[in-house]
């Protein structure tokens, strides 16, 4: 069965790199919350990737933090991440192991 309408792709885009100890310019509290609620090493080189879709009918917004072959995903745009998002996403991340 063919699906009508236009399709679109969601690709991950690298938006920042750095270490937890240095913080992130796009979010004043994110590094602090990651240090509090996760065991991501403070000195690890992190890459922040984001995927979002500009279409109103497609609510895809997600952030991924990558370090040492680990991928931690949070279902929110990087600047809108809350303390609860970090805590709940980390618990889900640990359950998959």
PDB file of N, CA and C in Angstrom:
ATOM      1  N   UNK A   1       0.852  -1.181   0.000  1.00  0.00           N
ATOM      2  CA  UNK A   1       0.000   0.000   0.000  1.00  0.00           C
ATOM      3  C   UNK A   1       0.888   1.232   0.000  1.00  0.00           C
ATOM      4  N   UNK A   2       0.618   2.125  -0.861  1.00  0.00           N
ATOM      5  CA  UNK A   2       1.377   3.370  -0.956  1.00  0.00           C
ATOM      6  C   UNK A   2       0.868   4.366   0.070  1.00  0.00           C
ATOM      7  N   UNK A   3       1.772   5.127   0.588  1.00  0.00           N
ATOM      8  CA  UNK A   3       1.416   6.165   1.556  1.00  0.00           C
ATOM      9  C   UNK A   3       1.416   7.493   0.821  1.00  0.00           C
ATOM     10  N   UNK A   4       0.334   8.217   0.941  1.00  0.00           N
ATOM     11  CA  UNK A   4       0.262   9.510   0.260  1.00  0.00           C
ATOM     12  C   UNK A   4       0.946  10.587   1.082  1.00  0.00           C
ATOM     13  N   UNK A   5       1.250  11.664   0.425  1.00  0.00           N
ATOM     14  CA  UNK A   5       1.906  12.778   1.112  1.00  0.00           C
ATOM     15  C   UNK A   5       3.404  12.697   0.938  1.00  0.00           C
ATOM     16  N   UNK A   6       4.073  13.749   1.315  1.00  0.00           N
ATOM     17  CA  UNK A   6       5.523  13.773   1.160  1.00  0.00           C
ATOM     18  C   UNK A   6       6.180  13.143   2.377  1.00  0.00           C
ATOM     19  N   UNK A   7       7.276  12.465   2.138  1.00  0.00           N
ATOM     20  CA  UNK A   7       8.026  11.900   3.252  1.00  0.00           C
ATOM     21  C   UNK A   7       9.222  12.809   3.511  1.00  0.00           C
ATOM     22  N   UNK A   8       9.753  12.701   4.683  1.00  0.00           N
ATOM     23  CA  UNK A   8      10.914  13.506   5.020  1.00  0.00           C
ATOM     24  C   UNK A   8      11.842  12.686   5.900  1.00  0.00           C
ATOM     25  N   UNK A   9      13.090  13.064   5.936  1.00  0.00           N
ATOM     26  CA  UNK A   9      14.084  12.343   6.719  1.00  0.00           C
ATOM     27  C   UNK A   9      14.462  13.154   7.947  1.00  0.00           C
ATOM     28  N   UNK A  10      14.763  12.441   9.009  1.00  0.00           N
ATOM     29  CA  UNK A  10      15.279  13.063  10.221  1.00  0.00           C
ATOM     30  C   UNK A  10      16.733  12.642  10.347  1.00  0.00           C
ATOM     31  N   UNK A  11      17.624  13.580  10.247  1.00  0.00           N
ATOM     32  CA  UNK A  11      19.035  13.265  10.376  1.00  0.00           C
ATOM     33  C   UNK A  11      19.610  13.923  11.616  1.00  0.00           C
ATOM     34  N   UNK A  12      20.526  13.223  12.286  1.00  0.00           N
ATOM     35  CA  UNK A  12      21.187  13.779  13.458  1.00  0.00           C
ATOM     36  C   UNK A  12      22.176  14.836  13.008  1.00  0.00           C
ATOM     37  N   UNK A  13      22.212  15.939  13.728  1.00  0.00           N
ATOM     38  CA  UNK A  13      23.103  17.058  13.418  1.00  0.00           C
ATOM     39  C   UNK A  13      23.940  17.351  14.663  1.00  0.00           C
ATOM     40  N   UNK A  14      25.246  17.373  14.512  1.00  0.00           N
ATOM     41  CA  UNK A  14      26.137  17.705  15.618  1.00  0.00           C
ATOM     42  C   UNK A  14      25.996  19.194  15.922  1.00  0.00           C
ATOM     43  N   UNK A  15      25.675  19.516  17.179  1.00  0.00           N
ATOM     44  CA  UNK A  15      25.447  20.916  17.538  1.00  0.00           C
ATOM     45  C   UNK A  15      26.446  21.450  18.566  1.00  0.00           C
ATOM     46  N   UNK A  16      27.194  20.548  19.223  1.00  0.00           N
ATOM     47  CA  UNK A  16      28.172  21.006  20.211  1.00  0.00           C
ATOM     48  C   UNK A  16      29.115  19.867  20.579  1.00  0.00           C
ATOM     49  N   UNK A  17      30.285  20.234  21.060  1.00  0.00           N
ATOM     50  CA  UNK A  17      31.233  19.281  21.626  1.00  0.00           C
ATOM     51  C   UNK A  17      31.806  19.915  22.882  1.00  0.00           C
ATOM     52  N   UNK A  18      32.328  19.093  23.768  1.00  0.00           N
ATOM     53  CA  UNK A  18      32.931  19.629  24.982  1.00  0.00           C
ATOM     54  C   UNK A  18      32.915  18.632  26.115  1.00  0.00           C
ATOM     55  N   UNK A  19      33.199  19.120  27.300  1.00  0.00           N
ATOM     56  CA  UNK A  19      33.246  18.297  28.511  1.00  0.00           C
ATOM     57  C   UNK A  19      32.243  18.832  29.517  1.00  0.00           C
ATOM     58  N   UNK A  20      31.771  17.950  30.397  1.00  0.00           N
ATOM     59  CA  UNK A  20      30.812  18.373  31.427  1.00  0.00           C
ATOM     60  C   UNK A  20      31.374  19.488  32.297  1.00  0.00           C
ATOM     61  N   UNK A  21      32.644  19.397  32.625  1.00  0.00           N
ATOM     62  CA  UNK A  21      33.222  20.406  33.518  1.00  0.00           C
ATOM     63  C   UNK A  21      33.237  21.797  32.898  1.00  0.00           C
ATOM     64  N   UNK A  22      33.140  21.863  31.562  1.00  0.00           N
ATOM     65  CA  UNK A  22      33.141  23.156  30.876  1.00  0.00           C
ATOM     66  C   UNK A  22      31.748  23.742  30.692  1.00  0.00           C
ATOM     67  N   UNK A  23      30.706  22.923  30.849  1.00  0.00           N
ATOM     68  CA  UNK A  23      29.336  23.395  30.664  1.00  0.00           C
ATOM     69  C   UNK A  23      28.979  23.541  29.193  1.00  0.00           C
ATOM     70  N   UNK A  24      27.743  23.971  28.946  1.00  0.00           N
ATOM     71  CA  UNK A  24      27.242  24.128  27.581  1.00  0.00           C
ATOM     72  C   UNK A  24      26.621  25.508  27.437  1.00  0.00           C
ATOM     73  N   UNK A  25      27.011  26.233  26.417  1.00  0.00           N
ATOM     74  CA  UNK A  25      26.508  27.596  26.225  1.00  0.00           C
ATOM     75  C   UNK A  25      25.015  27.633  25.922  1.00  0.00           C
ATOM     76  N   UNK A  26      24.462  26.578  25.364  1.00  0.00           N
ATOM     77  CA  UNK A  26      23.049  26.561  24.991  1.00  0.00           C
ATOM     78  C   UNK A  26      22.116  26.243  26.155  1.00  0.00           C
ATOM     79  N   UNK A  27      22.674  25.782  27.303  1.00  0.00           N
ATOM     80  CA  UNK A  27      21.828  25.403  28.445  1.00  0.00           C
ATOM     81  C   UNK A  27      22.631  25.587  29.735  1.00  0.00           C
ATOM     82  N   UNK A  28      22.300  26.558  30.570  1.00  0.00           N
ATOM     83  CA  UNK A  28      23.107  26.873  31.743  1.00  0.00           C
ATOM     84  C   UNK A  28      23.146  25.789  32.821  1.00  0.00           C
ATOM     85  N   UNK A  29      22.167  24.881  32.872  1.00  0.00           N
ATOM     86  CA  UNK A  29      22.106  23.880  33.937  1.00  0.00           C
ATOM     87  C   UNK A  29      22.379  22.455  33.477  1.00  0.00           C
ATOM     88  N   UNK A  30      22.408  22.195  32.178  1.00  0.00           N
ATOM     89  CA  UNK A  30      22.493  20.822  31.684  1.00  0.00           C
ATOM     90  C   UNK A  30      23.724  20.081  32.199  1.00  0.00           C
ATOM     91  N   UNK A  31      24.888  20.679  32.153  1.00  0.00           N
ATOM     92  CA  UNK A  31      26.111  20.013  32.617  1.00  0.00           C
ATOM     93  C   UNK A  31      25.999  19.652  34.099  1.00  0.00           C
ATOM     94  N   UNK A  32      25.458  20.556  34.904  1.00  0.00           N
ATOM     95  CA  UNK A  32      25.270  20.294  36.341  1.00  0.00           C
ATOM     96  C   UNK A  32      24.338  19.100  36.551  1.00  0.00           C
ATOM     97  N   UNK A  33      23.221  19.069  35.836  1.00  0.00           N
ATOM     98  CA  UNK A  33      22.263  17.971  35.984  1.00  0.00           C
ATOM     99  C   UNK A  33      22.850  16.645  35.510  1.00  0.00           C
ATOM    100  N   UNK A  34      23.620  16.676  34.425  1.00  0.00           N
ATOM    101  CA  UNK A  34      24.252  15.450  33.944  1.00  0.00           C
ATOM    102  C   UNK A  34      25.255  14.928  34.969  1.00  0.00           C
ATOM    103  N   UNK A  35      25.973  15.824  35.642  1.00  0.00           N
ATOM    104  CA  UNK A  35      26.909  15.398  36.679  1.00  0.00           C
ATOM    105  C   UNK A  35      26.175  14.826  37.884  1.00  0.00           C
ATOM    106  N   UNK A  36      25.005  15.373  38.200  1.00  0.00           N
ATOM    107  CA  UNK A  36      24.232  14.933  39.357  1.00  0.00           C
ATOM    108  C   UNK A  36      23.509  13.614  39.105  1.00  0.00           C
ATOM    109  N   UNK A  37      22.883  13.464  37.954  1.00  0.00           N
ATOM    110  CA  UNK A  37      21.984  12.334  37.703  1.00  0.00           C
ATOM    111  C   UNK A  37      22.560  11.215  36.845  1.00  0.00           C
ATOM    112  N   UNK A  38      23.763  11.387  36.303  1.00  0.00           N
ATOM    113  CA  UNK A  38      24.354  10.344  35.469  1.00  0.00           C
ATOM    114  C   UNK A  38      25.755  10.026  35.975  1.00  0.00           C
ATOM    115  N   UNK A  39      26.351   9.009  35.375  1.00  0.00           N
ATOM    116  CA  UNK A  39      27.757   8.740  35.697  1.00  0.00           C
ATOM    117  C   UNK A  39      28.648   8.982  34.478  1.00  0.00           C
ATOM    118  N   UNK A  40      28.241   9.923  33.635  1.00  0.00           N
ATOM    119  CA  UNK A  40      29.081  10.322  32.505  1.00  0.00           C
ATOM    120  C   UNK A  40      30.349  10.965  33.085  1.00  0.00           C
ATOM    121  N   UNK A  41      31.532  10.487  32.695  1.00  0.00           N
ATOM    122  CA  UNK A  41      32.772  11.061  33.237  1.00  0.00           C
ATOM    123  C   UNK A  41      32.892  12.557  32.933  1.00  0.00           C
ATOM    124  N   UNK A  42      33.276  13.341  33.938  1.00  0.00           N
ATOM    125  CA  UNK A  42      33.394  14.795  33.781  1.00  0.00           C
ATOM    126  C   UNK A  42      34.404  15.190  32.712  1.00  0.00           C
ATOM    127  N   UNK A  43      35.441  14.380  32.549  1.00  0.00           N
ATOM    128  CA  UNK A  43      36.516  14.695  31.604  1.00  0.00           C
ATOM    129  C   UNK A  43      36.294  14.098  30.218  1.00  0.00           C
ATOM    130  N   UNK A  44      35.224  13.323  30.039  1.00  0.00           N
ATOM    131  CA  UNK A  44      34.975  12.681  28.741  1.00  0.00           C
ATOM    132  C   UNK A  44      34.652  13.724  27.676  1.00  0.00           C
ATOM    133  N   UNK A  45      35.159  13.491  26.482  1.00  0.00           N
ATOM    134  CA  UNK A  45      34.815  14.343  25.340  1.00  0.00           C
ATOM    135  C   UNK A  45      33.406  13.973  24.896  1.00  0.00           C
ATOM    136  N   UNK A  46      32.503  14.926  24.921  1.00  0.00           N
ATOM    137  CA  UNK A  46      31.110  14.693  24.559  1.00  0.00           C
ATOM    138  C   UNK A  46      30.796  15.343  23.223  1.00  0.00           C
ATOM    139  N   UNK A  47      29.900  14.701  22.490  1.00  0.00           N
ATOM    140  CA  UNK A  47      29.338  15.315  21.293  1.00  0.00           C
ATOM    141  C   UNK A  47      27.834  15.374  21.508  1.00  0.00           C
ATOM    142  N   UNK A  48      27.248  16.532  21.291  1.00  0.00           N
ATOM    143  CA  UNK A  48      25.806  16.722  21.420  1.00  0.00           C
ATOM    144  C   UNK A  48      25.228  16.754  20.011  1.00  0.00           C
ATOM    145  N   UNK A  49      24.277  15.860  19.765  1.00  0.00           N
ATOM    146  CA  UNK A  49      23.601  15.810  18.471  1.00  0.00           C
ATOM    147  C   UNK A  49      22.130  16.079  18.694  1.00  0.00           C
ATOM    148  N   UNK A  50      21.490  16.613  17.673  1.00  0.00           N
ATOM    149  CA  UNK A  50      20.073  16.936  17.801  1.00  0.00           C
ATOM    150  C   UNK A  50      19.367  16.597  16.499  1.00  0.00           C
ATOM    151  N   UNK A  51      18.141  16.119  16.628  1.00  0.00           N
ATOM    152  CA  UNK A  51      17.282  15.898  15.477  1.00  0.00           C
ATOM    153  C   UNK A  51      15.959  16.576  15.789  1.00  0.00           C
ATOM    154  N   UNK A  52      15.456  17.326  14.857  1.00  0.00           N
ATOM    155  CA  UNK A  52      14.133  17.919  15.028  1.00  0.00           C
ATOM    156  C   UNK A  52      13.548  18.146  13.653  1.00  0.00           C
ATOM    157  N   UNK A  53      12.248  18.211  13.626  1.00  0.00           N
ATOM    158  CA  UNK A  53      11.545  18.361  12.364  1.00  0.00           C
ATOM    159  C   UNK A  53      10.722  19.639  12.431  1.00  0.00           C
ATOM    160  N   UNK A  54      10.804  20.428  11.408  1.00  0.00           N
ATOM    161  CA  UNK A  54      10.074  21.685  11.383  1.00  0.00           C
ATOM    162  C   UNK A  54       8.611  21.556  11.002  1.00  0.00           C
ATOM    163  N   UNK A  55       8.192  20.356  10.621  1.00  0.00           N
ATOM    164  CA  UNK A  55       6.803  20.175  10.217  1.00  0.00           C
ATOM    165  C   UNK A  55       5.887  20.095  11.437  1.00  0.00           C
ATOM    166  N   UNK A  56       4.802  20.823  11.415  1.00  0.00           N
ATOM    167  CA  UNK A  56       3.861  20.870  12.535  1.00  0.00           C
ATOM    168  C   UNK A  56       3.303  19.488  12.847  1.00  0.00           C
ATOM    169  N   UNK A  57       3.068  18.679  11.834  1.00  0.00           N
ATOM    170  CA  UNK A  57       2.478  17.357  12.036  1.00  0.00           C
ATOM    171  C   UNK A  57       3.490  16.318  12.505  1.00  0.00           C
ATOM    172  N   UNK A  58       4.744  16.692  12.656  1.00  0.00           N
ATOM    173  CA  UNK A  58       5.796  15.754  13.057  1.00  0.00           C
ATOM    174  C   UNK A  58       6.514  16.302  14.292  1.00  0.00           C
ATOM    175  N   UNK A  59       6.199  15.767  15.456  1.00  0.00           N
ATOM    176  CA  UNK A  59       6.744  16.320  16.699  1.00  0.00           C
ATOM    177  C   UNK A  59       8.137  15.802  17.077  1.00  0.00           C
ATOM    178  N   UNK A  60       8.906  15.327  16.129  1.00  0.00           N
ATOM    179  CA  UNK A  60      10.214  14.766  16.442  1.00  0.00           C
ATOM    180  C   UNK A  60      11.166  15.848  16.944  1.00  0.00           C
ATOM    181  N   UNK A  61      11.606  15.705  18.186  1.00  0.00           N
ATOM    182  CA  UNK A  61      12.614  16.579  18.797  1.00  0.00           C
ATOM    183  C   UNK A  61      13.386  15.718  19.781  1.00  0.00           C
ATOM    184  N   UNK A  62      14.672  15.567  19.565  1.00  0.00           N
ATOM    185  CA  UNK A  62      15.449  14.700  20.427  1.00  0.00           C
ATOM    186  C   UNK A  62      16.900  15.157  20.460  1.00  0.00           C
ATOM    187  N   UNK A  63      17.548  14.914  21.601  1.00  0.00           N
ATOM    188  CA  UNK A  63      18.954  15.233  21.788  1.00  0.00           C
ATOM    189  C   UNK A  63      19.685  13.947  22.136  1.00  0.00           C
ATOM    190  N   UNK A  64      20.886  13.780  21.602  1.00  0.00           N
ATOM    191  CA  UNK A  64      21.696  12.612  21.927  1.00  0.00           C
ATOM    192  C   UNK A  64      23.068  13.092  22.382  1.00  0.00           C
ATOM    193  N   UNK A  65      23.542  12.522  23.485  1.00  0.00           N
ATOM    194  CA  UNK A  65      24.863  12.831  24.018  1.00  0.00           C
ATOM    195  C   UNK A  65      25.716  11.587  23.806  1.00  0.00           C
ATOM    196  N   UNK A  66      26.842  11.762  23.114  1.00  0.00           N
ATOM    197  CA  UNK A  66      27.696  10.639  22.752  1.00  0.00           C
ATOM    198  C   UNK A  66      29.056  10.808  23.417  1.00  0.00           C
ATOM    199  N   UNK A  67      29.553   9.717  24.019  1.00  0.00           N
ATOM    200  CA  UNK A  67      30.892   9.691  24.606  1.00  0.00           C
ATOM    201  C   UNK A  67      31.347   8.233  24.667  1.00  0.00           C
ATOM    202  N   UNK A  68      32.604   7.980  24.488  1.00  0.00           N
ATOM    203  CA  UNK A  68      33.191   6.637  24.601  1.00  0.00           C
ATOM    204  C   UNK A  68      32.280   5.531  24.070  1.00  0.00           C
ATOM    205  N   UNK A  69      31.754   5.683  22.887  1.00  0.00           N
ATOM    206  CA  UNK A  69      30.875   4.701  22.231  1.00  0.00           C
ATOM    207  C   UNK A  69      29.535   4.515  22.938  1.00  0.00           C
ATOM    208  N   UNK A  70      29.195   5.411  23.843  1.00  0.00           N
ATOM    209  CA  UNK A  70      27.896   5.394  24.526  1.00  0.00           C
ATOM    210  C   UNK A  70      27.000   6.446  23.881  1.00  0.00           C
ATOM    211  N   UNK A  71      25.700   6.150  23.822  1.00  0.00           N
ATOM    212  CA  UNK A  71      24.733   7.093  23.248  1.00  0.00           C
ATOM    213  C   UNK A  71      23.561   7.236  24.210  1.00  0.00           C
ATOM    214  N   UNK A  72      23.412   8.420  24.764  1.00  0.00           N
ATOM    215  CA  UNK A  72      22.365   8.727  25.739  1.00  0.00           C
ATOM    216  C   UNK A  72      21.382   9.691  25.088  1.00  0.00           C
ATOM    217  N   UNK A  73      20.128   9.248  24.958  1.00  0.00           N
ATOM    218  CA  UNK A  73      19.119  10.047  24.254  1.00  0.00           C
ATOM    219  C   UNK A  73      18.106  10.649  25.219  1.00  0.00           C
ATOM    220  N   UNK A  74      17.738  11.901  24.927  1.00  0.00           N
ATOM    221  CA  UNK A  74      16.723  12.627  25.692  1.00  0.00           C
ATOM    222  C   UNK A  74      15.701  13.154  24.690  1.00  0.00           C
ATOM    223  N   UNK A  75      14.450  12.866  24.929  1.00  0.00           N
ATOM    224  CA  UNK A  75      13.387  13.236  23.979  1.00  0.00           C
ATOM    225  C   UNK A  75      12.945  14.684  24.146  1.00  0.00           C
ATOM    226  N   UNK A  76      13.876  15.587  23.912  1.00  0.00           N
ATOM    227  CA  UNK A  76      13.590  17.022  24.028  1.00  0.00           C
ATOM    228  C   UNK A  76      14.700  17.767  23.279  1.00  0.00           C
ATOM    229  N   UNK A  77      14.393  18.943  22.757  1.00  0.00           N
ATOM    230  CA  UNK A  77      15.433  19.772  22.141  1.00  0.00           C
ATOM    231  C   UNK A  77      16.433  20.185  23.219  1.00  0.00           C
ATOM    232  N   UNK A  78      17.672  20.352  22.828  1.00  0.00           N
ATOM    233  CA  UNK A  78      18.756  20.573  23.791  1.00  0.00           C
ATOM    234  C   UNK A  78      18.511  21.735  24.739  1.00  0.00           C
ATOM    235  N   UNK A  79      17.945  22.827  24.256  1.00  0.00           N
ATOM    236  CA  UNK A  79      17.741  23.994  25.124  1.00  0.00           C
ATOM    237  C   UNK A  79      16.500  23.872  26.004  1.00  0.00           C
ATOM    238  N   UNK A  80      15.673  22.857  25.767  1.00  0.00           N
ATOM    239  CA  UNK A  80      14.442  22.673  26.553  1.00  0.00           C
ATOM    240  C   UNK A  80      14.513  21.512  27.533  1.00  0.00           C
ATOM    241  N   UNK A  81      15.677  20.900  27.691  1.00  0.00           N
ATOM    242  CA  UNK A  81      15.825  19.750  28.586  1.00  0.00           C
ATOM    243  C   UNK A  81      15.641  20.193  30.031  1.00  0.00           C
ATOM    244  N   UNK A  82      14.839  19.419  30.779  1.00  0.00           N
ATOM    245  CA  UNK A  82      14.613  19.700  32.199  1.00  0.00           C
ATOM    246  C   UNK A  82      15.391  18.695  33.054  1.00  0.00           C
ATOM    247  N   UNK A  83      15.467  18.986  34.337  1.00  0.00           N
ATOM    248  CA  UNK A  83      16.111  18.092  35.288  1.00  0.00           C
ATOM    249  C   UNK A  83      15.428  16.721  35.265  1.00  0.00           C
ATOM    250  N   UNK A  84      14.100  16.715  35.203  1.00  0.00           N
ATOM    251  CA  UNK A  84      13.346  15.461  35.166  1.00  0.00           C
ATOM    252  C   UNK A  84      13.640  14.684  33.882  1.00  0.00           C
ATOM    253  N   UNK A  85      13.797  15.379  32.758  1.00  0.00           N
ATOM    254  CA  UNK A  85      14.154  14.713  31.501  1.00  0.00           C
ATOM    255  C   UNK A  85      15.469  13.949  31.653  1.00  0.00           C
ATOM    256  N   UNK A  86      16.459  14.589  32.252  1.00  0.00           N
ATOM    257  CA  UNK A  86      17.765  13.957  32.443  1.00  0.00           C
ATOM    258  C   UNK A  86      17.622  12.736  33.338  1.00  0.00           C
ATOM    259  N   UNK A  87      16.959  12.884  34.470  1.00  0.00           N
ATOM    260  CA  UNK A  87      16.805  11.795  35.431  1.00  0.00           C
ATOM    261  C   UNK A  87      16.064  10.602  34.819  1.00  0.00           C
ATOM    262  N   UNK A  88      14.910  10.839  34.223  1.00  0.00           N
ATOM    263  CA  UNK A  88      14.112   9.744  33.661  1.00  0.00           C
ATOM    264  C   UNK A  88      14.797   9.101  32.458  1.00  0.00           C
ATOM    265  N   UNK A  89      15.422   9.902  31.620  1.00  0.00           N
ATOM    266  CA  UNK A  89      16.117   9.349  30.456  1.00  0.00           C
ATOM    267  C   UNK A  89      17.314   8.507  30.880  1.00  0.00           C
ATOM    268  N   UNK A  90      18.021   8.930  31.933  1.00  0.00           N
ATOM    269  CA  UNK A  90      19.160   8.150  32.419  1.00  0.00           C
ATOM    270  C   UNK A  90      18.687   6.817  32.998  1.00  0.00           C
ATOM    271  N   UNK A  91      17.586   6.834  33.723  1.00  0.00           N
ATOM    272  CA  UNK A  91      17.036   5.574  34.253  1.00  0.00           C
ATOM    273  C   UNK A  91      16.671   4.634  33.108  1.00  0.00           C
ATOM    274  N   UNK A  92      16.046   5.155  32.063  1.00  0.00           N
ATOM    275  CA  UNK A  92      15.694   4.341  30.894  1.00  0.00           C
ATOM    276  C   UNK A  92      16.964   3.838  30.201  1.00  0.00           C
ATOM    277  N   UNK A  93      17.979   4.673  30.102  1.00  0.00           N
ATOM    278  CA  UNK A  93      19.254   4.308  29.486  1.00  0.00           C
ATOM    279  C   UNK A  93      19.881   3.127  30.225  1.00  0.00           C
ATOM    280  N   UNK A  94      19.828   3.150  31.543  1.00  0.00           N
ATOM    281  CA  UNK A  94      20.415   2.075  32.344  1.00  0.00           C
ATOM    282  C   UNK A  94      19.605   0.792  32.299  1.00  0.00           C
ATOM    283  N   UNK A  95      18.301   0.893  32.100  1.00  0.00           N
ATOM    284  CA  UNK A  95      17.452  -0.299  32.030  1.00  0.00           C
ATOM    285  C   UNK A  95      17.718  -1.118  30.781  1.00  0.00           C
ATOM    286  N   UNK A  96      18.186  -0.503  29.722  1.00  0.00           N
ATOM    287  CA  UNK A  96      18.409  -1.238  28.472  1.00  0.00           C
ATOM    288  C   UNK A  96      19.638  -2.131  28.531  1.00  0.00           C
ATOM    289  N   UNK A  97      20.525  -1.909  29.488  1.00  0.00           N
ATOM    290  CA  UNK A  97      21.742  -2.741  29.615  1.00  0.00           C
ATOM    291  C   UNK A  97      21.441  -4.086  30.210  1.00  0.00           C
TER     292      UNK A  97
END
